[in-house]
Amino acid sequence: MAHKNEKTELNRAFFDDEAEGYDAKHEKTAEEIMRRVAARRDFIGIGWIEDEDEDEDDDEDDDEDAEVQNYKAEKSPSHSVRVLDYACGTGNMSRAFAPYTTQCVGIDLSEKMVQVYNTRARNQGLDPEEMSAYHGNLCIPKDPTPAAFQDPVQFFNFDMAIVGLGFHHFDDPQLAASRLVARLKPGGVLVILDFLPHTPFSAAHDGQDNDHQDHHSHAHSHGQDESQGSDKELEKHGHGHDHSHSHSHGHGHAAHTVTHHGFSEEQITRIFTTAGAAKDFAIDKLGQVTMGRHMGKRELFMARGTKP
C-alpha cells in the first residue's frame, strides 16, 4: 500500500491530469447527478434559499401579498446559506446547491481542478464571493488549521460541509470528518455522499483495457420515486461521473487513488459520532449505479448529521 503522503500525491497527480477534459467527458452524467443531489435538500435539512424559478405559480396574482413579501425578505443578504464543498473537483456539488445558497466555497487537493471550478463559476456570471475554490488540504494530521484557511469569516461557520464521492479517496476519513465539523457553525450539517461496501476494484481490469477508459457512472437515485429512465440514461452516456472526482480507469491509474472500498452504515455512524455530528444523524440509500463494463454496480448512500 502506498504511504499516506504518496497516496495524497497520487490523488493530486491523477486529478490534475483529469481536470482539463473532465467536464466534457462527464457532462451528461454530471447533470443527472446534480439534479438528484439537489432533490435531497429536504433530507439535508438546512434553511435553504429556495430558487425563485421553482416557486413561481402561473396562476398567482400580480399583487404581492404580505406572505410573498415576507418570503422575499428571508432571501435578503441577512439570510445567508454557506456551503463548504470539500474535495470539490470541478464543482458539481457546488453547482447543484448554488441556486439555494448565498456562498459556496470549494477546497481541493488538485490545483488544476480548482482552476476549472473557478473558470466555470466566472463563466456562469457568479462572483468570487458567491462561488470560489481554493487549492489546499484540510487533512494534514499535524496541521489542524492550515495558514491558508484560518480566516474565521471566509473559512468557518458554514451551514453545510459536503464531500461528494471523494470520501473513499481519503487516507483518514475520520480525521476529514472531524476537520469539516470544526468548520461548521452550531446547527450546521455534515453531508457525505459515497459508496456502500463493494468488491475492490480489480487490478486485472486495468490491464485488460489499456486502450479504453471505463468511466464510473455515479447516479444518485432517490429511492423508488426515481424513474428507471434516469438510470438507463446514465448507462447510455458513457459511464462518466461527477465526484466531485472521476474514477476513470484508463491505464490503471485511478484504482491506486482509492483507499476505501465503500463504507458500512456502522462505519459512517461511528465517523459522524466521533466527529461531533451525531445529532439527527440519518442515512439515505440512493440506489444502485452502473460503474462500467467490468466494475458492475455500486450502491450509493447519503449521510447527514448536525453539529450541536
Protein backbone atom coordinates (compact mmCIF):
# COMPACT_ATOMS: atom_id res chain seq x y z
CA MET A 1 0.00 0.00 0.00
CA ALA A 2 1.22 3.50 -0.78
CA HIS A 3 2.48 5.60 2.11
CA LYS A 4 -0.03 8.25 3.16
CA ASN A 5 1.97 11.08 1.64
CA GLU A 6 2.45 9.03 -1.52
CA LYS A 7 -1.30 8.32 -1.70
CA THR A 8 -2.03 12.03 -1.42
CA GLU A 9 0.39 12.74 -4.24
CA LEU A 10 -1.19 10.01 -6.40
CA ASN A 11 -4.59 11.64 -5.95
CA ARG A 12 -3.26 15.10 -6.72
CA ALA A 13 -1.42 13.98 -9.84
CA PHE A 14 -4.29 11.89 -11.16
CA PHE A 15 -6.90 14.60 -10.83
CA ASP A 16 -4.55 17.26 -12.18
CA ASP A 17 -4.29 15.10 -15.31
CA GLU A 18 -8.07 14.67 -15.47
CA ALA A 19 -9.01 18.29 -14.95
CA GLU A 20 -8.83 19.80 -18.43
CA GLY A 21 -11.15 17.33 -20.14
CA TYR A 22 -13.12 16.21 -17.12
CA ASP A 23 -16.35 18.15 -17.59
CA ALA A 24 -16.61 17.39 -21.30
CA LYS A 25 -16.25 13.65 -20.68
CA HIS A 26 -18.79 13.53 -17.89
CA GLU A 27 -21.26 16.28 -18.76
CA LYS A 28 -24.49 14.28 -19.14
CA THR A 29 -23.93 12.17 -16.05
CA ALA A 30 -22.87 15.19 -14.01
CA GLU A 31 -26.10 16.97 -14.91
CA GLU A 32 -28.13 13.99 -13.73
CA ILE A 33 -26.10 13.74 -10.54
CA MET A 34 -26.62 17.42 -9.74
CA ARG A 35 -30.36 17.12 -10.32
CA ARG A 36 -30.67 14.18 -7.97
CA VAL A 37 -28.42 15.61 -5.28
CA ALA A 38 -30.28 18.92 -5.28
CA ALA A 39 -33.52 16.98 -4.87
CA ARG A 40 -32.28 15.81 -1.46
CA ARG A 41 -32.41 19.26 0.11
CA ASP A 42 -35.21 18.29 2.49
CA PHE A 43 -33.21 15.28 3.68
CA ILE A 44 -30.20 17.50 4.39
CA GLY A 45 -32.47 19.93 6.20
CA ILE A 46 -30.83 23.34 6.36
CA GLY A 47 -32.51 26.73 5.79
CA TRP A 48 -32.13 26.79 2.05
CA ILE A 49 -32.83 29.84 -0.06
CA GLU A 50 -35.40 28.48 -2.46
CA ASP A 51 -34.93 29.04 -6.18
CA GLU A 52 -37.41 31.63 -7.46
CA ASP A 53 -37.96 29.67 -10.68
CA GLU A 54 -39.17 26.65 -8.73
CA ASP A 55 -41.56 28.69 -6.64
CA GLU A 56 -43.32 30.59 -9.40
CA ASP A 57 -47.04 29.98 -9.65
CA ASP A 58 -48.51 30.73 -13.06
CA ASP A 59 -51.90 31.43 -11.50
CA GLU A 60 -50.79 33.80 -8.78
CA ASP A 61 -51.96 37.39 -8.76
CA ASP A 62 -49.60 40.13 -9.82
CA ASP A 63 -50.11 41.87 -6.49
CA GLU A 64 -47.75 40.59 -3.85
CA ASP A 65 -49.39 39.81 -0.56
CA ALA A 66 -47.69 40.01 2.80
CA GLU A 67 -46.66 36.34 2.73
CA VAL A 68 -44.77 36.77 -0.52
CA GLN A 69 -43.10 39.91 0.76
CA ASN A 70 -42.03 38.11 3.91
CA TYR A 71 -40.62 35.28 1.81
CA LYS A 72 -38.56 37.69 -0.24
CA ALA A 73 -37.30 39.34 2.89
CA GLU A 74 -35.97 35.96 4.02
CA LYS A 75 -33.91 35.84 0.84
CA SER A 76 -32.15 39.08 1.62
CA PRO A 77 -28.41 39.03 2.38
CA SER A 78 -29.23 38.73 6.08
CA HIS A 79 -30.35 35.18 5.32
CA SER A 80 -27.06 33.57 4.36
CA VAL A 81 -26.57 29.91 3.46
CA ARG A 82 -22.90 28.97 3.17
CA VAL A 83 -21.58 25.64 1.88
CA LEU A 84 -18.11 24.14 2.15
CA ASP A 85 -17.55 21.73 -0.74
CA TYR A 86 -14.51 19.67 0.22
CA ALA A 87 -12.70 17.59 -2.43
CA CYS A 88 -14.75 19.78 -4.74
CA GLY A 89 -13.26 18.77 -8.07
CA THR A 90 -14.66 20.93 -10.85
CA GLY A 91 -17.56 21.98 -8.65
CA ASN A 92 -20.57 19.82 -9.41
CA MET A 93 -21.71 19.67 -5.80
CA SER A 94 -21.37 23.44 -5.53
CA ARG A 95 -23.33 23.99 -8.73
CA ALA A 96 -26.02 21.58 -7.55
CA PHE A 97 -26.68 23.70 -4.48
CA ALA A 98 -25.79 27.16 -5.82
CA PRO A 99 -29.42 28.20 -6.51
CA TYR A 100 -30.26 27.57 -2.87
CA THR A 101 -27.26 29.19 -1.18
CA THR A 102 -25.56 32.55 -0.87
CA GLN A 103 -21.98 31.20 -0.98
CA CYS A 104 -20.17 28.02 -1.99
CA VAL A 105 -16.52 27.58 -1.03
CA GLY A 106 -14.62 24.71 -2.62
CA ILE A 107 -11.32 23.21 -1.48
CA ASP A 108 -9.43 20.57 -3.45
CA LEU A 109 -6.05 18.88 -3.45
CA SER A 110 -5.80 19.31 -7.23
CA GLU A 111 -4.80 22.81 -8.27
CA LYS A 112 -5.99 22.20 -11.83
CA MET A 113 -9.42 21.03 -10.67
CA VAL A 114 -9.65 24.25 -8.66
CA GLN A 115 -8.80 26.26 -11.77
CA VAL A 116 -11.61 24.59 -13.72
CA TYR A 117 -14.03 25.14 -10.82
CA ASN A 118 -13.29 28.86 -10.74
CA THR A 119 -13.36 29.29 -14.51
CA ARG A 120 -16.78 27.68 -14.70
CA ALA A 121 -18.09 29.80 -11.85
CA ARG A 122 -16.92 33.02 -13.50
CA ASN A 123 -18.31 31.91 -16.87
CA GLN A 124 -21.69 31.41 -15.20
CA GLY A 125 -21.59 35.01 -14.00
CA LEU A 126 -21.02 34.12 -10.36
CA ASP A 127 -18.86 36.50 -8.35
CA PRO A 128 -15.96 35.13 -6.29
CA GLU A 129 -17.97 35.98 -3.18
CA GLU A 130 -20.69 33.64 -4.39
CA MET A 131 -18.60 30.68 -5.57
CA SER A 132 -14.84 30.16 -5.35
CA ALA A 133 -12.50 27.24 -4.87
CA TYR A 134 -9.08 27.09 -3.25
CA HIS A 135 -6.16 24.72 -3.60
CA GLY A 136 -5.39 23.04 -0.29
CA ASN A 137 -5.64 20.17 2.15
CA LEU A 138 -7.54 20.29 5.45
CA CYS A 139 -6.48 16.77 6.44
CA ILE A 140 -2.81 17.11 7.33
CA PRO A 141 -2.65 15.33 10.71
CA LYS A 142 -0.24 17.74 12.40
CA ASP A 143 -1.75 20.89 10.91
CA PRO A 144 -5.39 21.22 12.06
CA THR A 145 -5.71 24.80 10.83
CA PRO A 146 -3.60 25.41 7.71
CA ALA A 147 -2.44 29.01 7.37
CA ALA A 148 -4.29 29.49 4.09
CA PHE A 149 -7.61 28.57 5.72
CA GLN A 150 -7.52 30.42 9.04
CA ASP A 151 -9.76 33.35 8.16
CA PRO A 152 -12.73 32.95 10.54
CA VAL A 153 -15.11 34.79 8.23
CA GLN A 154 -14.18 33.09 4.98
CA PHE A 155 -13.41 29.54 6.06
CA PHE A 156 -15.51 28.83 9.16
CA ASN A 157 -19.15 28.87 10.31
CA PHE A 158 -20.60 27.04 7.31
CA ASP A 159 -24.21 25.87 7.22
CA MET A 160 -23.20 22.69 5.42
CA ALA A 161 -19.96 20.86 4.64
CA ILE A 162 -20.22 18.21 1.93
CA VAL A 163 -17.90 15.62 0.42
CA GLY A 164 -19.37 14.32 -2.84
CA LEU A 165 -17.90 10.93 -3.78
CA GLY A 166 -14.45 11.81 -2.54
CA PHE A 167 -14.51 10.18 0.90
CA HIS A 168 -13.18 6.84 -0.33
CA HIS A 169 -10.01 8.58 -1.54
CA PHE A 170 -9.13 9.92 1.91
CA ASP A 171 -6.34 8.34 3.97
CA ASP A 172 -8.24 9.09 7.18
CA PRO A 173 -11.98 9.68 6.72
CA GLN A 174 -12.42 10.16 10.47
CA LEU A 175 -9.90 12.97 10.51
CA ALA A 176 -11.55 14.55 7.46
CA ALA A 177 -14.99 14.45 9.07
CA SER A 178 -13.68 15.99 12.29
CA ARG A 179 -11.89 18.76 10.42
CA LEU A 180 -15.04 19.59 8.45
CA VAL A 181 -17.29 19.60 11.52
CA ALA A 182 -14.87 22.05 13.15
CA ARG A 183 -15.68 24.48 10.33
CA LEU A 184 -19.45 24.23 10.70
CA LYS A 185 -21.45 26.71 12.70
CA PRO A 186 -23.55 25.34 15.58
CA GLY A 187 -26.50 23.67 13.88
CA GLY A 188 -24.52 23.15 10.67
CA VAL A 189 -24.78 19.87 8.80
CA LEU A 190 -22.10 17.46 7.61
CA VAL A 191 -23.05 15.55 4.45
CA ILE A 192 -21.17 12.59 2.99
CA LEU A 193 -22.10 11.09 -0.37
CA ASP A 194 -20.28 7.86 -1.15
CA PHE A 195 -20.50 4.09 -1.73
CA LEU A 196 -21.74 1.31 0.49
CA PRO A 197 -19.21 -1.55 0.78
CA HIS A 198 -18.31 -3.19 -2.53
CA THR A 199 -15.78 -5.52 -4.11
CA PRO A 200 -12.40 -3.84 -4.52
CA PHE A 201 -11.50 -2.62 -7.97
CA SER A 202 -9.58 -5.38 -9.74
CA ALA A 203 -6.12 -4.56 -11.00
CA ALA A 204 -6.71 -7.16 -13.68
CA HIS A 205 -9.41 -4.99 -15.17
CA ASP A 206 -6.94 -2.16 -15.58
CA GLY A 207 -4.63 -4.37 -17.61
CA GLN A 208 -7.41 -5.57 -19.88
CA ASP A 209 -8.28 -2.13 -21.12
CA ASN A 210 -5.18 -0.05 -21.58
CA ASP A 211 -6.66 1.37 -24.76
CA HIS A 212 -10.08 2.02 -23.25
CA GLN A 213 -11.21 4.11 -20.32
CA ASP A 214 -14.02 2.82 -18.13
CA HIS A 215 -15.70 5.85 -16.56
CA HIS A 216 -17.68 5.21 -13.40
CA SER A 217 -21.23 6.42 -13.63
CA HIS A 218 -22.41 7.69 -10.24
CA ALA A 219 -26.12 8.35 -10.48
CA HIS A 220 -27.97 9.47 -7.39
CA SER A 221 -31.24 7.64 -7.24
CA HIS A 222 -33.69 8.74 -4.58
CA GLY A 223 -35.47 5.57 -3.69
CA GLN A 224 -38.49 4.22 -5.51
CA ASP A 225 -39.71 7.62 -6.62
CA GLU A 226 -36.89 7.95 -9.16
CA SER A 227 -37.81 6.79 -12.66
CA GLN A 228 -35.94 3.88 -14.19
CA GLY A 229 -35.36 6.08 -17.22
CA SER A 230 -32.86 8.19 -15.32
CA ASP A 231 -30.67 5.18 -14.57
CA LYS A 232 -30.84 4.00 -18.16
CA GLU A 233 -29.96 7.48 -19.34
CA LEU A 234 -26.83 7.35 -17.20
CA GLU A 235 -25.80 3.97 -18.57
CA LYS A 236 -26.27 5.23 -22.11
CA HIS A 237 -23.94 8.19 -21.72
CA GLY A 238 -20.54 6.61 -21.34
CA HIS A 239 -20.43 5.86 -17.60
CA GLY A 240 -18.95 9.17 -16.54
CA HIS A 241 -19.35 10.68 -13.12
CA ASP A 242 -19.02 13.79 -11.09
CA HIS A 243 -17.38 13.28 -7.95
CA SER A 244 -16.63 15.65 -7.27
CA HIS A 245 -13.85 13.28 -8.58
CA SER A 246 -13.77 10.94 -11.58
CA HIS A 247 -12.79 7.30 -11.44
CA SER A 248 -11.58 6.79 -14.99
CA HIS A 249 -9.69 3.55 -15.10
CA GLY A 250 -7.72 4.22 -18.22
CA HIS A 251 -4.15 2.91 -17.99
CA GLY A 252 -4.68 1.66 -14.44
CA HIS A 253 -4.10 4.89 -12.55
CA ALA A 254 -7.36 5.66 -10.74
CA ALA A 255 -7.61 2.39 -8.81
CA HIS A 256 -4.46 3.37 -6.95
CA THR A 257 -6.12 6.56 -5.69
CA VAL A 258 -8.89 4.60 -3.93
CA THR A 259 -8.24 3.96 -0.24
CA HIS A 260 -11.61 2.61 0.96
CA HIS A 261 -13.92 0.24 -0.91
CA GLY A 262 -17.10 1.74 0.43
CA PHE A 263 -18.43 2.38 3.93
CA SER A 264 -20.92 0.44 6.04
CA GLU A 265 -23.68 2.15 7.99
CA GLU A 266 -21.83 1.24 11.18
CA GLN A 267 -18.62 2.87 9.95
CA ILE A 268 -20.35 6.06 8.87
CA THR A 269 -22.35 6.24 12.11
CA ARG A 270 -19.15 5.94 14.10
CA ILE A 271 -17.39 8.56 11.95
CA PHE A 272 -20.17 11.09 12.43
CA THR A 273 -20.42 10.38 16.17
CA THR A 274 -16.68 10.73 16.74
CA ALA A 275 -16.56 13.87 14.61
CA GLY A 276 -19.28 15.54 16.69
CA ALA A 277 -22.12 15.46 14.16
CA ALA A 278 -24.33 12.72 15.58
CA LYS A 279 -27.38 14.91 16.18
CA ASP A 280 -30.28 14.00 13.87
CA PHE A 281 -27.97 11.56 12.09
CA ALA A 282 -29.56 9.78 9.13
CA ILE A 283 -28.52 7.71 6.12
CA ASP A 284 -30.42 7.61 2.86
CA LYS A 285 -29.65 4.80 0.43
CA LEU A 286 -29.75 6.23 -3.06
CA GLY A 287 -29.88 3.09 -5.17
CA GLN A 288 -27.51 1.27 -7.48
CA VAL A 289 -25.39 2.83 -10.20
CA THR A 290 -23.61 1.18 -13.09
CA MET A 291 -19.86 1.51 -12.84
CA GLY A 292 -18.67 0.40 -16.27
CA ARG A 293 -18.30 -2.76 -18.28
CA HIS A 294 -16.09 -4.61 -15.81
CA MET A 295 -16.87 -2.98 -12.48
CA GLY A 296 -20.52 -3.91 -12.10
CA LYS A 297 -22.77 -1.80 -9.88
CA ARG A 298 -22.25 0.22 -6.75
CA GLU A 299 -24.75 1.29 -4.11
CA LEU A 300 -24.72 4.96 -3.11
CA PHE A 301 -25.66 6.47 0.21
CA MET A 302 -26.01 9.98 1.58
CA ALA A 303 -25.39 10.54 5.28
CA ARG A 304 -26.14 13.69 7.23
CA GLY A 305 -25.60 14.77 10.80
CA THR A 306 -25.87 18.04 12.70
CA LYS A 307 -23.24 19.76 14.82
CA PRO A 308 -24.91 20.69 18.13
